[in-house]
Protein backbone atom coordinates (compact mmCIF):
# COMPACT_ATOMS: atom_id res chain seq x y z
CA MET A 1 75.08 116.23 145.47
CA LYS A 2 71.43 115.59 147.18
CA THR A 3 71.86 112.17 145.03
CA LYS A 4 75.00 111.25 146.83
CA ASN A 5 73.15 112.30 149.97
CA TYR A 6 70.35 109.88 149.08
CA GLN A 7 72.36 107.22 148.34
CA ASN A 8 74.40 107.42 151.12
CA GLY A 9 71.17 107.64 153.64
CA LEU A 10 69.82 104.41 152.09
CA ARG A 11 73.33 102.41 152.68
CA ASP A 12 73.23 103.26 155.98
CA GLY A 13 69.21 103.04 156.67
CA ILE A 14 69.58 99.26 155.63
CA ALA A 15 70.85 98.60 159.19
CA VAL A 16 67.73 100.46 160.58
CA ALA A 17 65.23 98.77 158.65
CA LEU A 18 66.50 95.32 159.32
CA GLY A 19 66.18 96.43 162.98
CA TYR A 20 62.80 98.00 162.46
CA PHE A 21 61.59 94.78 161.17
CA ALA A 22 62.26 92.24 163.56
CA VAL A 23 60.94 94.50 166.03
CA SER A 24 57.80 95.13 164.44
CA PHE A 25 56.98 91.98 163.46
CA THR A 26 56.76 91.47 167.08
CA PHE A 27 54.32 94.17 167.24
CA GLY A 28 52.50 92.66 164.21
CA MET A 29 52.01 89.13 166.60
CA ALA A 30 51.07 91.34 169.51
CA SER A 31 48.43 93.12 167.58
CA ALA A 32 47.29 89.64 165.72
CA ALA A 33 47.15 88.20 169.28
CA ASP A 34 45.04 91.52 170.72
CA GLY A 35 42.42 91.31 168.43
CA LEU A 36 43.33 93.96 165.49
CA SER A 37 43.48 93.25 161.80
CA ILE A 38 45.72 93.03 159.31
CA PHE A 39 45.00 96.38 158.37
CA GLN A 40 44.63 98.17 161.74
CA ALA A 41 48.03 96.57 162.69
CA VAL A 42 49.66 97.96 159.68
CA LEU A 43 47.99 101.37 159.91
CA VAL A 44 49.31 101.87 163.24
CA SER A 45 52.76 101.16 162.24
CA LEU A 46 52.46 103.64 159.14
CA THR A 47 50.89 106.41 160.85
CA ASN A 48 53.21 106.31 164.09
CA VAL A 49 56.73 104.99 163.67
CA THR A 50 57.23 104.35 166.98
CA SER A 51 58.09 100.93 169.17
CA ALA A 52 57.13 101.94 172.44
CA GLY A 53 54.09 103.87 171.80
CA GLN A 54 52.51 101.45 169.34
CA PHE A 55 53.23 98.65 172.10
CA SER A 56 51.60 100.74 174.97
CA GLY A 57 48.98 102.31 172.42
CA LEU A 58 48.05 97.94 172.03
CA ALA A 59 48.23 97.44 175.35
CA ILE A 60 45.27 100.36 176.12
CA ILE A 61 43.60 99.18 173.43
CA ALA A 62 43.75 95.97 174.19
CA ALA A 63 42.29 96.95 177.83
CA GLY A 64 39.32 98.66 176.07
CA GLY A 65 40.76 101.99 177.37
CA THR A 66 39.84 105.21 176.04
CA TYR A 67 41.05 107.83 173.59
CA ILE A 68 42.32 110.37 176.13
CA GLU A 69 43.96 107.18 178.30
CA ILE A 70 46.07 106.79 174.64
CA ALA A 71 46.51 110.17 173.78
CA LEU A 72 48.50 111.14 177.08
CA THR A 73 50.45 107.90 176.92
CA GLN A 74 51.56 108.62 173.49
CA LEU A 75 52.64 112.33 174.83
CA VAL A 76 54.49 111.29 177.61
CA ILE A 77 56.15 107.98 175.42
CA ASN A 78 56.99 110.28 172.37
CA LEU A 79 57.51 113.74 173.46
CA ARG A 80 61.25 113.16 173.22
CA TYR A 81 60.78 113.55 169.81
CA CYS A 82 60.01 117.29 170.09
CA LEU A 83 63.81 117.82 171.35
CA MET A 84 65.43 115.32 168.42
CA SER A 85 63.54 117.65 166.10
CA PHE A 86 65.01 120.75 167.49
CA SER A 87 68.53 119.52 167.65
CA LEU A 88 67.78 118.36 164.04
CA ALA A 89 66.60 121.78 162.85
CA GLN A 90 69.58 123.42 164.25
CA LYS A 91 71.92 120.99 161.80
CA LEU A 92 69.93 121.02 159.24
CA ASN A 93 71.48 122.85 156.02
CA ARG A 94 71.03 126.24 155.85
CA ASN A 95 69.84 126.36 152.69
CA ALA A 96 67.43 123.88 152.92
CA PRO A 97 63.86 125.11 152.38
CA HIS A 98 61.83 125.12 155.57
CA TRP A 99 58.64 122.65 154.47
CA HIS A 100 61.55 119.85 154.62
CA ARG A 101 61.33 120.20 158.44
CA TYR A 102 57.30 119.10 158.27
CA LEU A 103 58.43 116.43 156.15
CA MET A 104 61.42 114.92 158.25
CA ALA A 105 59.38 115.11 161.37
CA TYR A 106 57.38 112.29 160.46
CA SER A 107 60.05 110.06 160.60
CA VAL A 108 62.36 110.98 163.22
CA THR A 109 63.12 108.15 165.51
CA ASP A 110 65.78 107.03 168.31
CA GLU A 111 67.58 105.44 165.53
CA ILE A 112 67.16 107.79 162.97
CA PHE A 113 67.89 110.69 164.64
CA ALA A 114 71.17 108.89 166.01
CA LEU A 115 72.30 108.78 162.38
CA ASP A 116 71.43 112.16 161.48
CA ALA A 117 73.24 113.44 164.35
CA SER A 118 76.02 111.55 163.87
CA LEU A 119 77.18 113.36 160.49
CA ASP A 120 80.18 115.50 160.73
CA SER A 121 78.55 118.13 158.10
CA PRO A 122 75.04 119.90 157.95
CA LEU A 123 72.34 117.33 157.60
CA SER A 124 70.89 117.29 154.26
CA PRO A 125 67.19 116.48 154.01
CA ALA A 126 68.35 113.75 151.18
CA TYR A 127 70.06 112.07 153.54
CA HIS A 128 67.21 111.79 155.78
CA TYR A 129 64.68 110.83 153.31
CA GLY A 130 67.08 108.17 152.02
CA ILE A 131 67.19 106.39 155.20
CA THR A 132 63.08 106.90 155.95
CA SER A 133 63.13 105.22 152.24
CA VAL A 134 64.03 101.79 153.59
CA ALA A 135 63.66 102.22 157.20
CA VAL A 136 60.16 103.05 157.76
CA PRO A 137 58.85 99.98 154.78
CA GLY A 138 61.30 97.88 156.79
CA TRP A 139 58.92 98.93 160.09
CA VAL A 140 55.58 98.55 158.24
CA LEU A 141 56.62 95.23 156.24
CA GLY A 142 57.98 93.53 159.70
CA THR A 143 54.34 94.60 161.13
CA LEU A 144 52.37 92.92 157.95
CA ALA A 145 54.78 89.49 158.33
CA GLY A 146 53.92 89.31 162.18
CA ALA A 147 50.17 90.21 161.84
CA VAL A 148 50.26 87.33 158.94
CA SER A 149 52.25 84.93 161.01
CA GLY A 150 49.89 85.18 164.17
CA ASN A 151 51.03 83.06 166.97
CA ILE A 152 52.98 80.23 164.63
CA LEU A 153 56.48 81.18 165.80
CA PRO A 154 57.64 79.89 169.42
CA THR A 155 58.63 82.69 172.35
CA PHE A 156 62.17 82.32 172.20
CA VAL A 157 61.91 83.41 168.56
CA ILE A 158 59.84 86.09 169.45
CA SER A 159 62.33 86.76 172.63
CA ALA A 160 65.29 86.78 170.28
CA LEU A 161 63.93 88.81 167.82
CA GLY A 162 63.15 91.73 170.25
CA VAL A 163 66.52 91.95 170.64
CA ALA A 164 67.97 93.23 167.87
CA ILE A 165 66.55 96.50 167.69
CA TYR A 166 69.21 97.09 170.93
CA GLY A 167 72.09 95.74 169.47
CA MET A 168 71.25 98.02 166.13
CA PHE A 169 71.13 100.74 168.39
CA LEU A 170 74.75 99.87 170.07
CA ALA A 171 76.36 99.81 166.37
CA ILE A 172 75.02 103.48 165.83
CA ILE A 173 76.21 105.02 169.00
CA ILE A 174 79.82 103.03 169.41
CA PRO A 175 81.27 104.15 166.70
CA PRO A 176 81.41 108.28 167.13
CA ALA A 177 81.88 107.13 170.81
CA ARG A 178 84.78 105.78 170.09
CA LYS A 179 86.51 108.77 168.22
CA ASN A 180 84.76 111.33 170.54
CA ARG A 181 85.68 111.30 174.33
CA THR A 182 82.66 113.94 174.78
CA VAL A 183 80.47 111.98 173.09
CA LEU A 184 81.67 108.76 175.00
CA LEU A 185 81.25 110.78 178.23
CA VAL A 186 77.69 111.99 176.89
CA VAL A 187 76.53 108.03 176.28
CA LEU A 188 77.89 107.07 180.03
CA SER A 189 76.49 109.74 181.91
CA ALA A 190 73.01 109.08 179.63
CA MET A 191 73.34 105.27 180.86
CA GLY A 192 74.31 106.45 184.90
CA LEU A 193 71.38 108.88 185.02
CA SER A 194 69.07 106.12 183.36
CA PHE A 195 70.35 103.54 186.09
CA LEU A 196 69.74 105.73 189.03
CA PHE A 197 65.69 106.33 187.69
CA SER A 198 65.62 102.33 187.76
CA VAL A 199 66.93 101.64 191.10
CA LEU A 200 66.03 104.75 193.33
CA PRO A 201 62.82 104.48 195.00
CA LEU A 202 61.70 108.03 194.11
CA LEU A 203 62.77 107.95 190.90
CA GLN A 204 61.17 104.54 189.77
CA LYS A 205 57.96 106.63 190.28
CA VAL A 206 58.95 108.95 186.82
CA THR A 207 57.33 107.32 183.95
CA SER A 208 59.71 106.12 181.11
CA GLY A 209 58.96 109.09 178.84
CA PHE A 210 59.62 111.47 181.08
CA VAL A 211 63.05 109.66 182.36
CA ILE A 212 64.34 109.65 178.41
CA ILE A 213 62.99 113.27 178.72
CA ILE A 214 64.73 114.12 181.99
CA THR A 215 68.16 112.20 180.93
CA THR A 216 68.41 113.68 177.39
CA VAL A 217 68.08 117.61 178.18
CA ALA A 218 70.17 117.09 182.04
CA VAL A 219 72.98 115.40 179.66
CA ALA A 220 73.21 116.94 176.15
CA GLY A 221 72.59 120.42 178.98
CA VAL A 222 75.75 119.74 180.83
CA ALA A 223 77.32 118.80 177.69
CA ALA A 224 76.61 122.05 175.87
CA TRP A 225 77.68 124.00 178.69
CA LEU A 226 81.22 122.33 179.88
CA ARG A 227 81.79 121.32 176.20
CA PRO A 228 80.27 123.40 173.62
CA ILE A 229 80.67 122.84 169.68
CA GLU A 230 82.64 125.69 168.01
CA ASP A 231 81.13 127.31 165.22
CA GLU A 232 83.05 127.27 162.42
CA ASN A 233 82.06 130.54 161.10
CA VAL A 234 83.08 132.23 164.56
CA LYS A 235 86.28 130.01 164.19
CA ASN A 236 87.36 131.75 161.00
CA GLU A 237 86.70 135.01 161.86
CA GLY A 238 88.62 134.73 164.47
CA ASP A 239 91.33 133.49 162.82
């Protein structure tokens, strides 16, 4: 069963790896342009695995910012991963040893979380590791290729590569949204709330990291209150 779950993770992770390669390629090129060595760029991707966090951190480094600025920026932008980890901890197979939580936390990203959360069955650590086995190398190798390539590619190619991650994410969320009306309403509500943050003057002052956190908590909280998922054990006991 563990082998099967791992293989399923490998299969599902291929699309993530391809998208990650495209986006991290751009990060590698930006790192080279801002003065980071190839080793430094690869090390950043290997230890962070977060596009928004890495690009914002790179901007601070290029501007000569302090460690405190970088730390606070990363805290705000990546705080949403705590929420994702809490959610996956509830979905994790009850028989899985606790130490898996620490290993899995390393590679909890938006796309990997979406795949983990979309499972109809309890989450197996083997499935998560299968995704990680191809997704993280895709992210790191993309950074390596971009850093080596430098500024060779034209601007329009770089822009096209940057759009790939969004198409990949749509491919992940559309299938479950088509099957489940609640998921569809959650997705549309999150989009609507995010739109309000981008157009209302007062809400525009909220940083992108907190926008994601507020949207996630608000939409998920309301959805859990109005349309809670029935516990199969409780349901069986009631029968």
